[in-house]
Protein backbone atom coordinates (compact mmCIF):
# COMPACT_ATOMS: atom_id res chain seq x y z
CA MET A 1 92.43 100.75 45.66
CA LYS A 2 92.16 97.16 47.33
CA VAL A 3 95.13 94.90 48.37
CA THR A 4 95.64 91.12 47.50
CA ILE A 5 95.89 88.07 49.84
CA ALA A 6 99.64 88.44 49.46
CA MET A 7 99.68 92.00 51.06
CA ALA A 8 97.45 90.78 53.62
CA MET A 9 99.38 87.86 54.63
CA LEU A 10 102.69 90.08 55.66
CA LEU A 11 101.68 89.34 59.45
CA LEU A 12 102.02 85.87 59.26
CA CYS A 13 102.95 85.04 63.25
CA ILE A 14 102.32 87.24 66.04
CA GLY A 15 103.23 85.92 69.62
CA THR A 16 100.96 86.57 72.58
CA LEU A 17 100.85 85.05 76.46
CA GLY A 18 99.74 81.59 75.98
CA PHE A 19 99.05 81.97 72.09
CA GLU A 20 100.57 82.21 68.78
CA ILE A 21 98.41 83.89 66.39
CA VAL A 22 98.77 83.01 62.70
CA ILE A 23 96.69 84.48 59.74
CA ASP A 24 96.40 81.64 57.41
CA ARG A 25 93.86 82.70 54.94
CA GLY A 26 93.17 86.19 53.57
CA ASN A 27 90.77 87.99 51.35
CA ASP A 28 91.18 89.47 47.95
CA GLU A 29 89.81 92.80 49.10
CA ILE A 30 90.51 94.61 52.37
CA SER A 31 91.30 98.05 52.96
CA PRO A 32 95.05 99.26 53.35
CA VAL A 33 95.67 101.03 56.38
CA ALA A 34 98.72 102.73 57.74
CA VAL A 35 99.45 102.89 61.44
CA VAL A 36 102.01 105.25 61.86
CA PRO A 37 104.55 104.29 64.50
CA PHE A 38 103.13 106.45 67.72
CA ARG A 39 105.31 108.81 69.01
CA THR A 40 106.04 107.26 72.62
CA ALA A 41 107.61 109.30 75.42
CA ALA A 42 110.52 107.55 77.16
CA GLY A 43 109.56 104.55 79.21
CA LEU A 44 106.21 104.03 77.99
CA ALA A 45 105.18 100.71 76.30
CA ASP A 46 104.87 100.93 72.33
CA MET A 47 101.13 100.33 71.33
CA THR A 48 101.35 100.89 67.69
CA PRO A 49 101.87 96.78 67.03
CA ILE A 50 98.63 95.74 69.16
CA VAL A 51 96.54 98.70 67.41
CA GLU A 52 97.96 97.39 64.00
CA PHE A 53 97.54 93.60 64.74
CA ASP A 54 93.91 94.19 65.87
CA LEU A 55 92.77 95.85 62.75
CA ALA A 56 94.70 93.04 60.85
CA ARG A 57 92.65 90.25 62.58
CA SER A 58 89.40 91.96 62.04
CA GLY A 59 89.34 90.94 58.36
CA GLN A 60 88.79 94.73 57.25
CA PHE A 61 92.20 95.95 57.07
CA ALA A 62 95.50 95.19 55.77
CA PRO A 63 98.28 97.27 57.83
CA MET A 64 101.13 98.58 55.94
CA LYS A 65 104.88 97.91 57.26
CA SER A 66 106.26 101.05 58.34
CA SER A 67 109.50 100.67 56.33
CA ASN A 68 107.32 100.88 53.28
CA MET A 69 106.04 104.30 54.80
CA LEU A 70 106.93 107.75 52.99
CA SER A 71 106.44 110.00 55.87
CA PHE A 72 105.90 109.69 59.51
CA PRO A 73 103.24 112.25 60.99
CA HIS A 74 102.48 112.75 64.29
CA THR A 75 100.18 115.71 64.44
CA PRO A 76 97.23 116.42 61.88
CA GLU A 77 99.06 119.21 60.40
CA ASP A 78 102.01 116.76 59.31
CA VAL A 79 99.79 114.42 57.25
CA ALA A 80 100.59 114.82 53.62
CA TYR A 81 97.66 113.18 51.86
CA ARG A 82 99.70 112.61 48.41
CA ASP A 83 102.27 110.46 50.33
CA TRP A 84 99.60 107.86 51.10
CA GLN A 85 97.69 108.21 48.08
CA VAL A 86 100.99 107.40 46.11
CA LEU A 87 101.16 104.17 48.39
CA GLY A 88 97.52 103.48 47.82
CA VAL A 89 96.70 103.53 51.44
CA GLU A 90 92.96 104.60 52.31
CA TYR A 91 93.15 105.38 55.94
CA VAL A 92 96.12 106.90 58.14
CA ILE A 93 96.03 106.64 61.88
CA ILE A 94 98.46 108.59 63.77
CA GLY A 95 99.40 108.86 67.52
CA ASP A 96 101.03 110.71 70.46
CA VAL A 97 101.41 108.66 73.88
CA VAL A 98 102.41 110.56 76.81
CA GLU A 99 102.94 110.15 80.61
CA THR A 100 100.22 111.95 82.34
CA THR A 101 101.55 110.77 86.19
CA THR A 102 104.06 108.49 87.37
CA THR A 103 101.60 105.86 87.06
CA GLU A 104 98.85 107.09 84.16
CA MET A 105 99.28 107.21 80.47
CA SER A 106 97.27 108.61 77.51
CA ILE A 107 97.22 108.33 74.09
CA THR A 108 95.86 111.08 71.42
CA TYR A 109 95.09 109.46 67.92
CA HIS A 110 93.73 110.72 64.91
CA VAL A 111 92.27 108.93 61.67
CA PHE A 112 92.42 110.30 58.28
CA ASP A 113 90.39 108.99 55.12
CA VAL A 114 93.23 109.42 52.59
CA THR A 115 90.81 109.66 49.72
CA LEU A 116 88.65 112.36 51.04
CA GLU A 117 91.62 114.15 52.47
CA ARG A 118 90.26 114.87 55.73
CA ARG A 119 90.31 113.71 59.44
CA ILE A 120 87.57 111.61 60.23
CA HIS A 121 87.88 111.04 63.94
CA GLY A 122 89.99 111.60 66.80
CA GLY A 123 90.05 110.94 70.60
CA THR A 124 92.26 110.49 73.68
CA VAL A 125 92.57 107.33 75.95
CA SER A 126 93.84 107.48 79.38
CA GLY A 127 94.59 104.87 81.95
CA PRO A 128 96.90 103.18 83.95
CA ARG A 129 100.47 102.60 82.58
CA THR A 130 100.16 98.88 83.74
CA GLN A 131 96.93 98.52 81.29
CA HIS A 132 98.60 99.64 78.24
CA ARG A 133 97.31 96.77 76.48
CA ALA A 134 93.74 97.59 77.42
CA ILE A 135 94.23 101.35 76.12
CA ALA A 136 95.50 100.10 72.95
CA HIS A 137 92.52 98.03 72.48
CA LEU A 138 89.95 100.87 73.23
CA VAL A 139 92.13 102.66 70.85
CA SER A 140 91.28 100.09 67.90
CA ASP A 141 87.78 99.79 69.03
CA GLU A 142 87.26 103.69 68.04
CA VAL A 143 89.22 103.60 65.01
CA PHE A 144 87.56 100.63 63.74
CA GLU A 145 83.99 102.19 64.68
CA ALA A 146 84.97 105.27 62.83
CA ILE A 147 85.68 103.75 59.73
CA VAL A 148 83.20 100.64 59.41
CA ASP A 149 80.66 102.25 61.47
CA GLU A 150 80.28 98.94 63.46
CA ARG A 151 81.50 98.84 67.33
CA GLY A 152 84.61 97.30 67.80
CA ALA A 153 85.09 93.90 69.73
CA PHE A 154 88.74 94.24 70.47
CA SER A 155 88.65 94.97 74.18
CA THR A 156 86.41 92.04 74.76
CA LYS A 157 87.58 88.60 76.25
CA ILE A 158 87.63 84.87 75.08
CA MET A 159 87.04 82.24 77.32
CA TYR A 160 87.85 78.38 76.84
CA VAL A 161 89.23 75.02 78.56
CA LEU A 162 93.01 74.45 78.07
CA VAL A 163 93.55 70.73 78.78
CA GLN A 164 97.26 69.43 79.72
CA GLY A 165 98.24 66.01 79.76
CA ARG A 166 95.29 64.96 77.49
CA GLY A 167 95.51 61.05 76.98
CA THR A 168 97.90 60.50 80.26
CA GLU A 169 96.76 58.93 83.63
CA PHE A 170 96.26 62.41 85.03
CA PRO A 171 95.09 65.24 82.67
CA THR A 172 94.30 68.50 83.99
CA TYR A 173 91.68 70.93 82.99
CA GLN A 174 91.87 74.81 83.13
CA LEU A 175 89.01 77.32 82.45
CA GLN A 176 90.97 80.59 81.29
CA ILE A 177 90.12 83.98 80.06
CA ALA A 178 92.16 85.91 77.89
CA ASP A 179 91.82 89.38 75.74
CA SER A 180 90.46 88.65 72.29
CA ASP A 181 94.30 88.46 71.04
CA GLY A 182 95.21 86.05 73.49
CA ALA A 183 96.90 88.12 75.82
CA ASN A 184 96.55 88.20 79.63
CA VAL A 185 95.64 84.89 80.31
CA ARG A 186 93.92 84.20 83.89
CA THR A 187 92.99 80.91 85.23
CA ILE A 188 89.52 81.12 86.68
CA LEU A 189 89.32 77.43 87.56
CA GLU A 190 91.80 74.30 87.58
CA SER A 191 90.76 70.96 88.06
CA GLU A 192 91.41 67.13 87.58
CA PHE A 193 87.74 66.58 86.44
CA PRO A 194 86.75 67.90 82.69
CA ILE A 195 85.32 71.41 82.52
CA MET A 196 82.69 71.73 79.76
CA SER A 197 80.25 74.09 78.04
CA PRO A 198 81.54 77.80 79.73
CA THR A 199 78.97 80.65 78.79
CA TRP A 200 79.09 84.29 79.46
CA SER A 201 76.34 86.48 81.24
CA PRO A 202 74.86 89.08 79.36
CA ASP A 203 76.67 91.61 81.27
CA GLY A 204 79.72 89.95 81.77
CA THR A 205 79.88 89.54 85.33
CA LYS A 206 79.08 86.13 85.77
CA ILE A 207 79.95 83.04 83.80
CA CYS A 208 78.17 79.38 83.71
CA TYR A 209 80.02 76.18 83.09
CA VAL A 210 79.46 72.14 83.79
CA THR A 211 81.95 70.64 85.99
CA PHE A 212 82.42 67.01 87.25
CA GLU A 213 83.77 67.68 90.67
CA THR A 214 81.36 66.19 92.57
CA GLY A 215 81.38 62.90 90.79
CA ARG A 216 78.56 63.93 88.47
CA SER A 217 78.02 66.46 85.75
CA THR A 218 76.96 69.86 87.90
CA VAL A 219 76.01 73.40 86.30
CA VAL A 220 77.73 75.85 88.35
CA VAL A 221 77.27 79.70 87.87
CA HIS A 222 80.66 81.72 88.84
CA GLU A 223 80.82 85.20 89.85
CA LEU A 224 83.86 86.62 88.41
CA ALA A 225 84.56 89.36 90.90
CA THR A 226 84.31 87.69 93.96
CA GLY A 227 84.81 84.09 92.51
CA GLU A 228 81.76 82.66 94.51
CA ARG A 229 80.04 79.64 92.76
CA GLU A 230 76.47 78.25 92.71
CA THR A 231 75.09 75.06 91.71
CA ILE A 232 72.02 75.68 89.99
CA ALA A 233 71.74 71.73 88.55
CA SER A 234 73.31 68.87 90.03
CA PHE A 235 70.45 66.02 89.12
CA GLU A 236 71.06 62.33 88.53
CA GLY A 237 71.62 61.70 85.03
CA THR A 238 72.63 64.74 82.44
CA ASN A 239 73.40 68.34 83.42
CA SER A 240 74.81 69.99 80.57
CA ALA A 241 75.03 72.77 77.99
CA PRO A 242 73.66 75.99 79.98
CA ALA A 243 73.00 79.34 78.27
CA PHE A 244 71.93 82.51 79.99
CA SER A 245 69.07 84.29 78.81
CA PRO A 246 69.22 87.81 77.21
CA ASP A 247 67.92 89.33 80.31
CA GLY A 248 70.33 87.37 82.70
CA LYS A 249 67.65 85.97 84.79
CA HIS A 250 67.49 82.59 83.68
CA VAL A 251 69.36 79.87 82.21
CA ALA A 252 68.46 77.39 79.52
CA LEU A 253 70.02 73.81 79.84
CA THR A 254 69.85 70.09 79.18
CA LEU A 255 68.70 67.93 81.72
CA SER A 256 67.61 63.95 81.97
CA ARG A 257 66.05 64.65 85.61
CA ASP A 258 62.83 63.21 84.34
CA GLY A 259 64.39 60.35 82.40
CA ASN A 260 64.75 61.62 78.87
CA THR A 261 67.17 64.08 77.73
CA GLU A 262 65.36 67.46 77.49
CA ILE A 263 65.53 71.38 77.13
CA TYR A 264 64.72 73.29 80.52
CA THR A 265 65.05 76.59 81.94
CA VAL A 266 65.70 77.70 85.43
CA GLY A 267 65.17 81.35 87.18
CA LEU A 268 68.37 82.14 88.84
CA GLU A 269 66.23 83.64 91.60
CA ASP A 270 63.52 81.33 92.29
CA ARG A 271 65.06 78.09 90.94
CA ASP A 272 61.84 77.26 89.08
CA TYR A 273 62.66 74.50 86.72
CA ARG A 274 60.39 74.80 83.62
CA ARG A 275 60.74 71.44 81.04
CA ILE A 276 60.33 73.18 77.58
CA THR A 277 60.64 70.16 75.20
CA SER A 278 59.24 66.60 75.12
CA HIS A 279 60.13 63.85 72.93
CA ARG A 280 61.62 60.65 73.04
CA GLY A 281 64.62 61.74 70.96
CA ILE A 282 67.75 63.83 72.32
CA ASP A 283 67.10 67.55 72.74
CA THR A 284 69.95 69.67 74.01
CA GLU A 285 72.47 72.44 73.43
CA PRO A 286 70.08 75.47 73.68
CA SER A 287 70.47 79.00 72.73
CA TRP A 288 68.34 81.78 73.13
CA THR A 289 67.21 84.09 70.49
CA LYS A 290 67.93 87.72 70.71
CA ASP A 291 64.28 88.89 72.36
CA GLY A 292 64.43 85.84 74.83
CA SER A 293 60.92 84.63 73.30
CA SER A 294 62.44 81.30 71.84
CA LEU A 295 65.20 78.72 71.86
CA VAL A 296 67.01 76.83 68.85
CA PHE A 297 68.56 73.67 69.94
CA THR A 298 69.87 70.43 68.58
CA SER A 299 67.66 67.11 68.59
CA ASP A 300 67.85 63.83 67.08
CA ARG A 301 64.19 63.34 66.67
CA ALA A 302 64.32 63.34 62.78
CA GLY A 303 66.74 60.37 63.21
CA ASN A 304 69.80 62.25 62.89
CA PRO A 305 71.02 65.78 65.04
CA GLN A 306 69.19 69.02 63.28
CA LEU A 307 68.13 72.34 64.51
CA TYR A 308 64.84 73.28 66.07
CA MET A 309 63.39 76.34 67.03
CA VAL A 310 60.53 76.42 70.23
CA ASN A 311 58.60 79.23 71.21
CA LEU A 312 58.85 79.38 75.13
CA ARG A 313 54.84 80.51 75.10
CA SER A 314 53.43 77.69 72.72
CA LEU A 315 56.39 74.99 73.13
CA SER A 316 55.57 74.15 69.74
CA PRO A 317 59.19 73.41 67.63
CA LYS A 318 59.78 74.06 64.28
CA ARG A 319 62.75 72.60 62.35
CA LEU A 320 65.35 74.90 60.85
CA THR A 321 68.07 72.86 59.09
CA PHE A 322 67.22 70.74 55.93
CA PHE A 323 70.76 70.34 54.26
CA GLY A 324 72.90 67.38 55.29
CA ASP A 325 72.43 64.65 58.01
CA TYR A 326 74.43 66.30 60.91
CA ASN A 327 73.86 69.97 62.02
CA ALA A 328 74.20 70.61 65.84
CA ARG A 329 75.80 73.29 68.52
CA PRO A 330 73.60 76.40 67.24
CA ARG A 331 74.47 79.68 68.41
CA LEU A 332 72.35 82.97 67.57
CA HIS A 333 74.05 86.11 65.29
CA PRO A 334 73.97 89.20 67.37
CA ASP A 335 71.48 90.67 64.77
CA GLY A 336 69.03 88.35 65.82
CA ASP A 337 68.37 87.01 62.21
CA HIS A 338 71.14 84.77 61.49
CA LEU A 339 72.35 81.37 63.07
CA LEU A 340 75.62 79.78 63.36
CA TYR A 341 76.43 76.25 63.96
CA VAL A 342 78.25 72.95 63.25
CA HIS A 343 77.51 71.30 59.83
CA ARG A 344 78.79 67.92 58.48
CA ALA A 345 79.72 68.27 54.80
CA ASP A 346 79.56 65.71 52.16
CA ASN A 347 83.13 64.96 52.61
CA ASP A 348 82.64 63.99 56.30
CA LYS A 349 84.44 67.17 57.38
CA TYR A 350 82.88 69.25 60.20
CA HIS A 351 82.71 73.21 59.55
CA ILE A 352 81.07 76.17 61.24
CA VAL A 353 78.35 77.62 59.09
CA TRP A 354 75.50 80.35 58.97
CA GLN A 355 72.48 80.92 57.64
CA SER A 356 69.22 83.14 58.02
CA LEU A 357 66.61 82.28 60.60
CA ASP A 358 63.78 83.09 58.16
CA VAL A 359 64.78 81.84 55.04
CA GLU A 360 65.14 77.80 54.41
CA GLY A 361 68.25 78.00 52.26
CA GLN A 362 71.62 76.56 51.39
CA PRO A 363 74.06 77.39 54.90
CA ARG A 364 77.11 79.37 54.13
CA ILE A 365 80.25 77.53 55.12
CA LEU A 366 82.80 79.54 56.84
CA THR A 367 85.58 77.44 58.10
CA SER A 368 87.79 74.93 55.95
CA ASN A 369 89.31 72.37 58.74
CA VAL A 370 88.29 69.08 59.09
CA LEU A 371 86.94 69.28 62.61
CA ASP A 372 85.50 72.58 63.55
CA GLU A 373 83.22 72.68 66.54
CA SER A 374 81.83 74.90 69.40
CA PRO A 375 81.19 78.26 67.65
CA SER A 376 81.02 81.46 69.55
CA VAL A 377 80.55 84.92 67.58
CA SER A 378 81.91 88.42 68.91
CA PRO A 379 79.33 90.71 70.39
CA ASN A 380 79.65 93.01 67.10
CA GLY A 381 78.68 90.07 64.76
CA MET A 382 81.83 90.57 62.94
CA MET A 383 83.81 87.52 63.85
CA VAL A 384 83.37 83.85 65.12
CA VAL A 385 85.79 82.17 67.34
CA PHE A 386 85.82 77.97 67.26
CA ALA A 387 87.41 75.04 68.17
CA THR A 388 89.32 72.96 65.66
CA ARG A 389 92.11 70.44 65.69
CA GLU A 390 95.73 70.78 64.22
CA ASN A 391 98.50 68.16 64.25
CA ASN A 392 96.45 66.23 66.71
CA ARG A 393 96.02 69.34 69.18
CA GLY A 394 93.15 71.08 69.75
CA ILE A 395 93.47 75.07 68.84
CA LEU A 396 91.33 78.00 68.46
CA GLY A 397 90.33 79.46 65.05
CA VAL A 398 88.71 82.83 64.10
CA VAL A 399 87.14 83.46 61.22
CA SER A 400 85.60 86.88 60.16
CA LEU A 401 81.81 86.78 58.79
CA TYR A 402 82.32 89.44 56.19
CA GLY A 403 86.16 89.80 55.41
CA GLN A 404 86.90 85.95 55.30
CA VAL A 405 90.07 86.39 57.01
CA ALA A 406 91.03 83.16 59.04
CA LEU A 407 93.59 82.99 61.75
CA LYS A 408 94.49 79.98 64.12
CA LEU A 409 95.21 80.61 67.99
CA PRO A 410 97.38 77.54 68.57
CA SER A 411 98.18 77.33 72.46
CA THR A 412 101.70 76.90 73.48
CA GLN A 413 100.98 74.72 76.44
CA GLY A 414 98.36 72.13 75.61
CA ASP A 415 94.94 71.31 73.97
CA VAL A 416 92.20 74.20 73.71
CA GLN A 417 88.62 74.01 73.26
CA GLU A 418 85.00 75.02 73.94
CA PRO A 419 85.86 79.15 73.30
CA SER A 420 83.29 81.60 74.44
CA TRP A 421 83.39 85.10 72.94
CA SER A 422 82.40 87.61 75.89
CA PRO A 423 79.58 90.43 75.46
CA PHE A 424 80.94 94.05 75.06
CA LEU A 425 82.50 94.86 79.05
CA PRO A 426 82.84 98.03 81.12
CA SER A 427 86.02 99.97 81.03
CA ASN A 428 87.91 101.71 83.59
CA LEU A 429 89.61 103.81 81.10
CA THR A 430 88.96 107.28 80.25
CA SER A 431 87.74 108.25 76.89
CA ARG A 432 86.91 111.35 75.01
CA ASP A 433 86.46 112.68 71.27
CA ILE A 434 88.40 115.76 70.05
């Protein structure tokens, strides 16, 4: 049984630290699930709402309200499949949260397929009580993978630029990192000068961005653990749009050091700058292919912004986009076969679209706002975060590639822009299957 949009929209607003998440578009066919309120020891945080909302915002599931449940099992033996079959539920998740020490906690959970009437997965996740949100996200990741057979990305982070006082004489810019649901916001850098184009290293230990603290555009690599920063480009003219190579050893970026705006790569160890493009047009916004052999970039060499791919060995570019007079800001999908970018539609609205790298076909439109930009895809390839505007404010939007559920993440503090989704990150939590 599938659920309708009306059922999928039961979760309308869920507050998190710094953001209010709003589900404003649902899908006609997503799987109904029941996250039974976890049995939680006194004094421990209730992680049920976190897991429930993780599954809802994935675009794959519609969690049932607890008030509509017929039973509340806490052990596998308590699960009565007929109760859930009557309600049309496809999957049931139960959990038991206990205190293991004065500072540690754990949750034991089980996932059941109601149609097949069997348990399909179970596990235990343990960690510090202060990290209950991280524990809940890891449970969500494992539940998601057990059902969808794709790795969950709820334990990842989203980086973005928060602008406060936009339009005033003294705006401030903050580079922030938050959980994928907007909670646990951490400010990495605060400046009175613009911060642009933040991006993650493949292992998630470093970030790279453009700052204007020195009075000119400067590309900086920033070590997250230590806060150490290193300038990799601060030439006269343009220094912008950095992107780490898949092996993390190089950065592709846009420079005008030789007089025209071109794509370069630079080795992070040897500082060897290599010019990749050579054209009188403006070449910018490079993005690496999955195998690191090529770059996709934006160029106006055809008279308007279009996307091109250049092999790093032959340096011979080929055009990728042919529909519309504006296609820009390319980002490769983790599968290596698809491309996401900003496309101006016939109605002069800017949308996030995706298309195959191999087939010259019509791009598929994913978003429906007036000014959508800066797409960044989750490491499992299931969701895309992007910047957009609402009520004359910059906000973040999230759209699922397959379930077509759209969310908005308006900040409670200012304008949000330039999002970047992290890779999968290492965890200090303990997890085991049971």
